[in-house]
C-alpha cells in the first residue's frame, strides 16, 4: 500500500489535486519570470549600452596608437562617473591616475552625459601590451558591466549583471 500522506493537503483536498503537481506549478511560476526578467534586463542594458561603448571604444582606439608611440604604454582613464546609480550624469573627464599625464579631455576623448561609467585599464603580459575599456551601470539593485579587450589577453565579455548584496 502506497504512503499518500503528503499527496493531498488542505485546501487542495477539496479539489483532489496532488500536492506535488501544485508545488511544481508554483515553482515554474516563480522560476520562469526570474529567468525572463534577467534576459529582459540584459537585452535592455545591451540596447542602451552597446552603441555608447562601441563609439567610445572606437574613439579611444584612435588615440591609443599615438599615445603608445610616445609613452611605450597605453593610456589609462579613471571611471568617468564615480557614483553609479543608474541615472544620467555628466562625466568627470578631468580625473586621471597620478602616474598618467593626460585626462579624458586632454586625450581628446569626449564623453557627454551618461548613465554608464567608462574606464580604461592597461596591462602588460608576456604576450605584449593591451588595454580594456569597461562600462558599468546600475540597474535597480544590480551592477552591470561590459568589457572590450584591445590586446592579447582576451578579457572581453558581454554585459553581465550581478547583485552586490547577494
N, C-alpha and C. Protein backbone atom coordinates (compact mmCIF):
# COMPACT_ATOMS: atom_id res chain seq x y z
N UNK A 1 0.82 -1.17 0.00
CA UNK A 1 0.00 0.00 0.00
C UNK A 1 0.88 1.25 0.00
N UNK A 2 0.58 2.21 -0.89
CA UNK A 2 1.38 3.42 -1.01
C UNK A 2 1.11 4.37 0.14
N UNK A 3 2.18 5.11 0.50
CA UNK A 3 2.04 6.13 1.52
C UNK A 3 1.62 7.43 0.84
N UNK A 4 0.40 7.87 1.04
CA UNK A 4 -0.13 9.06 0.38
C UNK A 4 -0.32 10.21 1.39
N UNK A 5 0.48 10.17 2.43
CA UNK A 5 0.33 11.16 3.48
C UNK A 5 0.51 12.59 2.95
N UNK A 6 1.46 12.83 2.01
CA UNK A 6 1.75 14.17 1.53
C UNK A 6 1.10 14.48 0.19
N UNK A 7 0.33 13.56 -0.33
CA UNK A 7 -0.23 13.76 -1.65
C UNK A 7 -1.31 14.83 -1.68
N UNK A 8 -2.13 14.92 -0.68
CA UNK A 8 -3.19 15.93 -0.65
C UNK A 8 -3.02 16.80 0.59
N UNK A 9 -3.32 18.03 0.44
CA UNK A 9 -3.22 18.95 1.57
C UNK A 9 -4.32 19.99 1.44
N UNK A 10 -4.83 20.44 2.55
CA UNK A 10 -5.86 21.47 2.53
C UNK A 10 -5.30 22.73 1.91
N UNK A 11 -5.94 23.49 1.04
CA UNK A 11 -7.32 23.34 0.59
C UNK A 11 -7.44 22.44 -0.64
N UNK A 12 -6.35 21.84 -1.04
CA UNK A 12 -6.36 21.04 -2.27
C UNK A 12 -7.11 19.73 -2.11
N UNK A 13 -7.34 19.31 -0.88
CA UNK A 13 -8.07 18.08 -0.66
C UNK A 13 -9.47 18.16 -1.25
N UNK A 14 -10.02 19.37 -1.30
CA UNK A 14 -11.36 19.55 -1.87
C UNK A 14 -11.36 19.35 -3.38
N UNK A 15 -10.25 19.63 -4.03
CA UNK A 15 -10.19 19.51 -5.48
C UNK A 15 -9.49 18.23 -5.93
N UNK A 16 -8.93 17.50 -5.00
CA UNK A 16 -8.23 16.24 -5.30
C UNK A 16 -7.05 16.43 -6.24
N UNK A 17 -6.35 17.57 -6.16
CA UNK A 17 -5.15 17.81 -6.96
C UNK A 17 -3.95 17.36 -6.15
N UNK A 18 -3.12 16.49 -6.70
CA UNK A 18 -1.94 16.05 -5.97
C UNK A 18 -1.04 17.24 -5.62
N UNK A 19 -0.58 17.28 -4.39
CA UNK A 19 0.23 18.40 -3.89
C UNK A 19 1.51 18.58 -4.71
N UNK A 20 2.13 17.51 -5.16
CA UNK A 20 3.38 17.63 -5.93
C UNK A 20 3.15 18.39 -7.23
N UNK A 21 1.96 18.23 -7.86
CA UNK A 21 1.66 18.99 -9.07
C UNK A 21 1.48 20.47 -8.76
N UNK A 22 0.85 20.76 -7.65
CA UNK A 22 0.67 22.16 -7.24
C UNK A 22 2.02 22.81 -6.99
N UNK A 23 2.89 22.12 -6.26
CA UNK A 23 4.21 22.66 -5.95
C UNK A 23 5.04 22.85 -7.22
N UNK A 24 4.97 21.91 -8.14
CA UNK A 24 5.69 22.03 -9.40
C UNK A 24 5.18 23.24 -10.18
N UNK A 25 3.88 23.43 -10.22
CA UNK A 25 3.30 24.58 -10.93
C UNK A 25 3.75 25.89 -10.30
N UNK A 26 3.78 25.95 -8.99
CA UNK A 26 4.23 27.16 -8.30
C UNK A 26 5.71 27.42 -8.57
N UNK A 27 6.51 26.38 -8.60
CA UNK A 27 7.94 26.54 -8.88
C UNK A 27 8.15 27.11 -10.28
N UNK A 28 7.41 26.64 -11.25
CA UNK A 28 7.51 27.14 -12.62
C UNK A 28 7.10 28.61 -12.67
N UNK A 29 6.07 28.98 -11.95
CA UNK A 29 5.62 30.37 -11.93
C UNK A 29 6.66 31.31 -11.32
N UNK A 30 7.45 30.81 -10.39
CA UNK A 30 8.47 31.64 -9.75
C UNK A 30 9.75 31.67 -10.59
N UNK A 31 10.19 30.55 -11.12
CA UNK A 31 11.47 30.47 -11.83
C UNK A 31 11.42 31.14 -13.20
N UNK A 32 10.40 30.91 -13.97
CA UNK A 32 10.35 31.45 -15.34
C UNK A 32 10.37 32.98 -15.36
N UNK A 33 9.57 33.70 -14.56
CA UNK A 33 9.66 35.16 -14.61
C UNK A 33 11.04 35.69 -14.22
N UNK A 34 11.73 35.04 -13.27
CA UNK A 34 13.07 35.48 -12.90
C UNK A 34 14.01 35.32 -14.08
N UNK A 35 13.96 34.21 -14.77
CA UNK A 35 14.82 33.99 -15.94
C UNK A 35 14.47 34.98 -17.05
N UNK A 36 13.19 35.20 -17.29
CA UNK A 36 12.78 36.14 -18.33
C UNK A 36 13.20 37.56 -17.98
N UNK A 37 13.07 37.95 -16.71
CA UNK A 37 13.43 39.31 -16.33
C UNK A 37 14.94 39.52 -16.46
N UNK A 38 15.76 38.51 -16.18
CA UNK A 38 17.21 38.64 -16.34
C UNK A 38 17.56 38.83 -17.81
N UNK A 39 16.91 38.08 -18.69
CA UNK A 39 17.15 38.24 -20.13
C UNK A 39 16.64 39.58 -20.63
N UNK A 40 15.50 40.02 -20.12
CA UNK A 40 14.96 41.33 -20.49
C UNK A 40 15.90 42.43 -20.03
N UNK A 41 16.41 42.31 -18.81
CA UNK A 41 17.36 43.29 -18.27
C UNK A 41 18.60 43.35 -19.15
N UNK A 42 19.16 42.20 -19.46
CA UNK A 42 20.38 42.15 -20.27
C UNK A 42 20.12 42.75 -21.66
N UNK A 43 18.98 42.44 -22.24
CA UNK A 43 18.64 42.97 -23.56
C UNK A 43 18.50 44.49 -23.52
N UNK A 44 17.86 45.00 -22.47
CA UNK A 44 17.67 46.44 -22.34
C UNK A 44 19.01 47.16 -22.13
N UNK A 45 19.84 46.62 -21.24
CA UNK A 45 21.16 47.22 -20.98
C UNK A 45 22.01 47.17 -22.24
N UNK A 46 21.94 46.05 -22.95
CA UNK A 46 22.70 45.89 -24.19
C UNK A 46 22.26 46.92 -25.24
N UNK A 47 20.96 47.12 -25.38
CA UNK A 47 20.48 48.07 -26.40
C UNK A 47 20.84 49.51 -26.04
N UNK A 48 20.91 49.82 -24.75
CA UNK A 48 21.29 51.17 -24.32
C UNK A 48 22.81 51.35 -24.30
N UNK A 49 23.53 50.34 -23.84
CA UNK A 49 24.96 50.48 -23.61
C UNK A 49 25.85 50.20 -24.80
N UNK A 50 25.47 49.24 -25.66
CA UNK A 50 26.34 48.87 -26.78
C UNK A 50 26.68 50.02 -27.72
N UNK A 51 25.72 50.82 -28.14
CA UNK A 51 26.10 51.93 -29.03
C UNK A 51 27.10 52.88 -28.37
N UNK A 52 26.92 53.12 -27.07
CA UNK A 52 27.82 54.03 -26.37
C UNK A 52 29.22 53.45 -26.22
N UNK A 53 29.33 52.21 -25.75
CA UNK A 53 30.66 51.63 -25.54
C UNK A 53 31.37 51.42 -26.88
N UNK A 54 30.63 51.08 -27.92
CA UNK A 54 31.26 50.91 -29.24
C UNK A 54 31.81 52.23 -29.76
N UNK A 55 31.06 53.30 -29.60
CA UNK A 55 31.50 54.61 -30.05
C UNK A 55 32.72 55.09 -29.25
N UNK A 56 32.63 54.98 -27.94
CA UNK A 56 33.74 55.41 -27.08
C UNK A 56 34.98 54.56 -27.34
N UNK A 57 34.82 53.24 -27.49
CA UNK A 57 35.96 52.36 -27.74
C UNK A 57 36.66 52.71 -29.05
N UNK A 58 35.89 53.03 -30.07
CA UNK A 58 36.48 53.44 -31.36
C UNK A 58 37.27 54.72 -31.18
N UNK A 59 36.72 55.68 -30.45
CA UNK A 59 37.40 56.94 -30.18
C UNK A 59 38.69 56.70 -29.38
N UNK A 60 38.63 55.87 -28.36
CA UNK A 60 39.81 55.56 -27.54
C UNK A 60 40.87 54.88 -28.38
N UNK A 61 40.48 53.90 -29.18
CA UNK A 61 41.44 53.16 -30.02
C UNK A 61 42.17 54.11 -30.97
N UNK A 62 41.47 55.10 -31.49
CA UNK A 62 42.11 56.02 -32.42
C UNK A 62 43.16 56.88 -31.72
N UNK A 63 43.06 57.08 -30.41
CA UNK A 63 44.03 57.88 -29.65
C UNK A 63 45.17 57.03 -29.06
N UNK A 64 44.90 55.77 -28.81
CA UNK A 64 45.86 54.93 -28.11
C UNK A 64 47.15 54.68 -28.89
N UNK A 65 47.07 54.53 -30.21
CA UNK A 65 48.27 54.25 -31.00
C UNK A 65 49.28 55.38 -30.86
N UNK A 66 48.83 56.63 -30.96
CA UNK A 66 49.74 57.78 -30.83
C UNK A 66 50.28 57.86 -29.40
N UNK A 67 49.44 57.62 -28.42
CA UNK A 67 49.88 57.66 -27.03
C UNK A 67 50.93 56.58 -26.77
N UNK A 68 50.70 55.38 -27.30
CA UNK A 68 51.64 54.28 -27.11
C UNK A 68 52.99 54.60 -27.77
N UNK A 69 52.96 55.17 -28.95
CA UNK A 69 54.21 55.53 -29.66
C UNK A 69 55.02 56.53 -28.85
N UNK A 70 54.36 57.41 -28.15
CA UNK A 70 55.05 58.45 -27.38
C UNK A 70 55.47 57.98 -25.99
N UNK A 71 54.72 57.07 -25.36
CA UNK A 71 54.95 56.70 -23.96
C UNK A 71 55.35 55.24 -23.74
N UNK A 72 55.37 54.42 -24.76
CA UNK A 72 55.65 52.98 -24.63
C UNK A 72 54.69 52.26 -23.69
N UNK A 73 53.53 52.79 -23.52
CA UNK A 73 52.46 52.16 -22.76
C UNK A 73 51.15 52.77 -23.24
N UNK A 74 50.06 52.09 -22.96
CA UNK A 74 48.77 52.64 -23.33
C UNK A 74 48.27 53.61 -22.26
N UNK A 75 47.37 54.49 -22.67
CA UNK A 75 46.78 55.47 -21.76
C UNK A 75 45.74 54.79 -20.88
N UNK A 76 45.68 55.23 -19.63
CA UNK A 76 44.72 54.69 -18.67
C UNK A 76 43.77 55.81 -18.25
N UNK A 77 42.47 55.52 -18.21
CA UNK A 77 41.48 56.51 -17.80
C UNK A 77 40.64 56.03 -16.64
N UNK A 78 40.53 56.88 -15.61
CA UNK A 78 39.71 56.54 -14.44
C UNK A 78 38.22 56.57 -14.79
N UNK A 79 37.42 55.97 -13.92
CA UNK A 79 35.96 55.97 -14.10
C UNK A 79 35.46 57.38 -14.36
N UNK A 80 34.63 57.52 -15.38
CA UNK A 80 34.09 58.83 -15.72
C UNK A 80 32.96 59.25 -14.79
N UNK A 81 32.33 58.29 -14.13
CA UNK A 81 31.29 58.57 -13.13
C UNK A 81 31.70 57.83 -11.86
N UNK A 82 31.88 58.58 -10.78
CA UNK A 82 32.38 57.97 -9.55
C UNK A 82 31.30 57.20 -8.78
N UNK A 83 30.09 57.75 -8.73
CA UNK A 83 28.99 57.09 -8.02
C UNK A 83 27.95 56.68 -9.06
N UNK A 84 27.85 55.39 -9.28
CA UNK A 84 26.94 54.87 -10.30
C UNK A 84 25.60 54.57 -9.64
N UNK A 85 24.53 55.23 -10.12
CA UNK A 85 23.22 54.97 -9.54
C UNK A 85 22.15 54.71 -10.61
N UNK A 86 22.56 54.60 -11.87
CA UNK A 86 21.61 54.29 -12.94
C UNK A 86 20.96 55.51 -13.56
N UNK A 87 21.30 56.71 -13.07
CA UNK A 87 20.76 57.93 -13.67
C UNK A 87 21.83 58.58 -14.54
N UNK A 88 21.40 59.33 -15.52
CA UNK A 88 22.33 60.01 -16.43
C UNK A 88 23.03 61.14 -15.68
N UNK A 89 24.36 61.15 -15.81
CA UNK A 89 25.17 62.16 -15.14
C UNK A 89 26.22 62.70 -16.09
N UNK A 90 26.71 63.89 -15.76
CA UNK A 90 27.81 64.47 -16.52
C UNK A 90 29.09 63.73 -16.16
N UNK A 91 29.83 63.33 -17.16
CA UNK A 91 31.07 62.61 -16.94
C UNK A 91 32.12 63.54 -16.34
N UNK A 92 32.91 63.02 -15.41
CA UNK A 92 34.04 63.76 -14.87
C UNK A 92 35.26 63.41 -15.71
N UNK A 93 35.47 64.18 -16.75
CA UNK A 93 36.53 63.86 -17.72
C UNK A 93 37.88 64.47 -17.36
N UNK A 94 37.97 65.08 -16.17
CA UNK A 94 39.25 65.69 -15.75
C UNK A 94 40.00 64.81 -14.76
N UNK A 95 39.42 63.69 -14.38
CA UNK A 95 40.10 62.76 -13.46
C UNK A 95 41.18 62.00 -14.21
N UNK A 96 42.27 61.72 -13.52
CA UNK A 96 43.32 60.89 -14.11
C UNK A 96 44.13 60.22 -13.00
N UNK A 97 44.71 59.07 -13.29
CA UNK A 97 45.59 58.43 -12.30
C UNK A 97 46.81 59.32 -12.05
N UNK A 98 47.41 59.19 -10.87
CA UNK A 98 48.55 60.03 -10.52
C UNK A 98 49.76 59.84 -11.43
N UNK A 99 49.88 58.68 -12.05
CA UNK A 99 51.05 58.41 -12.89
C UNK A 99 50.77 58.54 -14.39
N UNK A 100 49.65 59.15 -14.74
CA UNK A 100 49.29 59.34 -16.15
C UNK A 100 49.24 60.85 -16.41
N UNK A 101 49.81 61.27 -17.54
CA UNK A 101 49.94 62.70 -17.80
C UNK A 101 48.72 63.36 -18.44
N UNK A 102 47.74 62.60 -18.89
CA UNK A 102 46.58 63.19 -19.57
C UNK A 102 45.28 62.63 -19.03
N UNK A 103 44.27 63.50 -18.94
CA UNK A 103 42.94 63.05 -18.56
C UNK A 103 42.13 62.82 -19.84
N UNK A 104 40.84 62.52 -19.69
CA UNK A 104 39.98 62.24 -20.83
C UNK A 104 39.95 63.43 -21.81
N UNK A 105 39.78 64.64 -21.26
CA UNK A 105 39.72 65.83 -22.10
C UNK A 105 41.03 66.03 -22.88
N UNK A 106 42.14 65.89 -22.17
CA UNK A 106 43.45 66.11 -22.80
C UNK A 106 43.76 65.05 -23.85
N UNK A 107 43.14 63.90 -23.72
CA UNK A 107 43.30 62.85 -24.75
C UNK A 107 42.39 63.11 -25.95
N UNK A 108 41.45 64.04 -25.78
CA UNK A 108 40.51 64.33 -26.87
C UNK A 108 39.37 63.33 -26.96
N UNK A 109 39.10 62.66 -25.84
CA UNK A 109 38.01 61.68 -25.78
C UNK A 109 36.83 62.35 -25.10
N UNK A 110 35.81 62.64 -25.88
CA UNK A 110 34.65 63.37 -25.38
C UNK A 110 33.59 62.38 -24.90
N UNK A 111 33.21 62.56 -23.65
CA UNK A 111 32.15 61.74 -23.08
C UNK A 111 31.12 62.69 -22.48
N UNK A 112 29.90 62.63 -22.98
CA UNK A 112 28.83 63.50 -22.50
C UNK A 112 28.12 62.90 -21.32
N UNK A 113 26.91 63.36 -21.09
CA UNK A 113 26.08 62.80 -20.01
C UNK A 113 25.78 61.34 -20.32
N UNK A 114 25.83 60.53 -19.28
CA UNK A 114 25.60 59.10 -19.47
C UNK A 114 25.20 58.47 -18.15
N UNK A 115 24.51 57.34 -18.23
CA UNK A 115 24.26 56.55 -17.02
C UNK A 115 25.29 55.42 -16.91
N UNK A 116 26.21 55.39 -17.89
CA UNK A 116 27.28 54.39 -17.91
C UNK A 116 28.60 55.06 -17.55
N UNK A 117 29.32 54.48 -16.60
CA UNK A 117 30.66 54.95 -16.30
C UNK A 117 31.64 54.19 -17.18
N UNK A 118 32.62 54.88 -17.72
CA UNK A 118 33.61 54.25 -18.60
C UNK A 118 34.98 54.36 -17.96
N UNK A 119 35.79 53.33 -18.07
CA UNK A 119 37.17 53.39 -17.61
C UNK A 119 38.05 52.61 -18.57
N UNK A 120 39.32 52.94 -18.58
CA UNK A 120 40.31 52.25 -19.40
C UNK A 120 41.40 51.73 -18.47
N UNK A 121 41.60 50.42 -18.48
CA UNK A 121 42.67 49.79 -17.70
C UNK A 121 43.72 49.27 -18.66
N UNK A 122 44.97 49.35 -18.26
CA UNK A 122 46.06 48.88 -19.11
C UNK A 122 46.72 47.65 -18.49
N UNK A 123 47.40 46.88 -19.33
CA UNK A 123 48.14 45.73 -18.82
C UNK A 123 49.34 45.44 -19.70
N UNK A 124 50.29 44.73 -19.12
CA UNK A 124 51.45 44.21 -19.84
C UNK A 124 51.56 42.74 -19.48
N UNK A 125 51.64 41.90 -20.50
CA UNK A 125 51.75 40.46 -20.28
C UNK A 125 52.95 39.95 -21.08
N UNK A 126 53.33 38.70 -20.89
CA UNK A 126 54.43 38.15 -21.70
C UNK A 126 54.15 38.21 -23.21
N UNK A 127 52.85 38.28 -23.55
CA UNK A 127 52.47 38.34 -24.97
C UNK A 127 52.40 39.77 -25.51
N UNK A 128 52.56 40.75 -24.64
CA UNK A 128 52.53 42.14 -25.10
C UNK A 128 51.68 43.04 -24.23
N UNK A 129 51.47 44.24 -24.72
CA UNK A 129 50.69 45.25 -24.01
C UNK A 129 49.24 45.22 -24.49
N UNK A 130 48.36 45.74 -23.66
CA UNK A 130 46.97 45.86 -24.06
C UNK A 130 46.22 46.75 -23.10
N UNK A 131 44.95 46.95 -23.39
CA UNK A 131 44.08 47.72 -22.51
C UNK A 131 42.65 47.23 -22.67
N UNK A 132 41.87 47.51 -21.66
CA UNK A 132 40.45 47.18 -21.70
C UNK A 132 39.63 48.44 -21.52
N UNK A 133 38.49 48.47 -22.18
CA UNK A 133 37.50 49.53 -21.98
C UNK A 133 36.32 48.87 -21.28
N UNK A 134 35.97 49.39 -20.11
CA UNK A 134 34.89 48.83 -19.31
C UNK A 134 33.81 49.86 -19.11
N UNK A 135 32.57 49.45 -19.30
CA UNK A 135 31.43 50.30 -18.98
C UNK A 135 30.64 49.63 -17.87
N UNK A 136 30.17 50.45 -16.94
CA UNK A 136 29.42 49.96 -15.78
C UNK A 136 28.20 50.84 -15.57
N UNK A 137 27.11 50.22 -15.19
CA UNK A 137 25.91 50.97 -14.82
C UNK A 137 25.20 50.22 -13.72
N UNK A 138 24.23 50.87 -13.11
CA UNK A 138 23.40 50.23 -12.09
C UNK A 138 22.00 50.15 -12.64
N UNK A 139 21.39 48.98 -12.49
CA UNK A 139 20.02 48.75 -12.93
C UNK A 139 19.26 48.16 -11.76
N UNK A 140 18.47 48.98 -11.10
CA UNK A 140 17.80 48.53 -9.87
C UNK A 140 18.85 48.29 -8.81
N UNK A 141 18.94 47.05 -8.33
CA UNK A 141 19.97 46.71 -7.35
C UNK A 141 21.17 46.03 -8.00
N UNK A 142 21.12 45.80 -9.30
CA UNK A 142 22.19 45.09 -10.00
C UNK A 142 23.23 46.06 -10.58
N UNK A 143 24.47 45.61 -10.58
CA UNK A 143 25.57 46.31 -11.25
C UNK A 143 25.82 45.53 -12.54
N UNK A 144 25.86 46.25 -13.68
CA UNK A 144 26.04 45.60 -14.99
C UNK A 144 27.31 46.15 -15.63
N UNK A 145 28.14 45.25 -16.18
CA UNK A 145 29.40 45.67 -16.82
C UNK A 145 29.59 44.96 -18.15
N UNK A 146 30.33 45.64 -19.02
CA UNK A 146 30.78 45.05 -20.28
C UNK A 146 32.23 45.47 -20.46
N UNK A 147 33.06 44.54 -20.94
CA UNK A 147 34.48 44.80 -21.15
C UNK A 147 34.85 44.47 -22.59
N UNK A 148 35.60 45.39 -23.22
CA UNK A 148 36.17 45.14 -24.54
C UNK A 148 37.68 45.19 -24.38
N UNK A 149 38.36 44.11 -24.76
CA UNK A 149 39.81 44.00 -24.63
C UNK A 149 40.49 44.33 -25.95
N UNK A 150 41.44 45.24 -25.89
CA UNK A 150 42.28 45.59 -27.04
C UNK A 150 43.69 45.11 -26.72
N UNK A 151 43.93 43.85 -26.92
CA UNK A 151 45.24 43.30 -26.59
C UNK A 151 45.25 41.80 -26.73
N UNK A 152 46.16 41.19 -25.99
CA UNK A 152 46.45 39.76 -26.17
C UNK A 152 45.77 38.84 -25.16
N UNK A 153 45.15 39.39 -24.13
CA UNK A 153 44.65 38.53 -23.05
C UNK A 153 43.22 38.04 -23.23
N UNK A 154 42.46 38.64 -24.11
CA UNK A 154 41.10 38.18 -24.36
C UNK A 154 40.18 38.32 -23.16
N UNK A 155 40.22 39.47 -22.52
CA UNK A 155 39.40 39.71 -21.32
C UNK A 155 38.01 40.24 -21.64
N UNK A 156 37.63 40.29 -22.88
CA UNK A 156 36.32 40.83 -23.25
C UNK A 156 35.20 39.95 -22.73
N UNK A 157 34.11 40.59 -22.35
CA UNK A 157 32.87 39.86 -22.06
C UNK A 157 31.69 40.77 -22.33
N UNK A 158 30.59 40.15 -22.72
CA UNK A 158 29.36 40.91 -22.98
C UNK A 158 28.77 41.35 -21.64
N UNK A 159 27.65 42.03 -21.68
CA UNK A 159 27.03 42.55 -20.47
C UNK A 159 26.77 41.44 -19.47
N UNK A 160 27.23 41.66 -18.23
CA UNK A 160 26.98 40.75 -17.12
C UNK A 160 26.45 41.58 -15.96
N UNK A 161 25.38 41.10 -15.35
CA UNK A 161 24.78 41.81 -14.22
C UNK A 161 24.84 40.93 -12.98
N UNK A 162 25.10 41.57 -11.85
CA UNK A 162 25.13 40.85 -10.59
C UNK A 162 24.61 41.77 -9.49
N UNK A 163 24.13 41.17 -8.43
CA UNK A 163 23.64 41.92 -7.29
C UNK A 163 24.72 41.89 -6.21
N UNK A 164 25.35 43.02 -5.90
CA UNK A 164 26.45 43.02 -4.95
C UNK A 164 26.03 42.67 -3.52
N UNK A 165 24.74 42.73 -3.22
CA UNK A 165 24.29 42.42 -1.86
C UNK A 165 24.00 40.94 -1.67
N UNK A 166 24.14 40.15 -2.73
CA UNK A 166 23.88 38.70 -2.61
C UNK A 166 25.15 37.93 -2.53
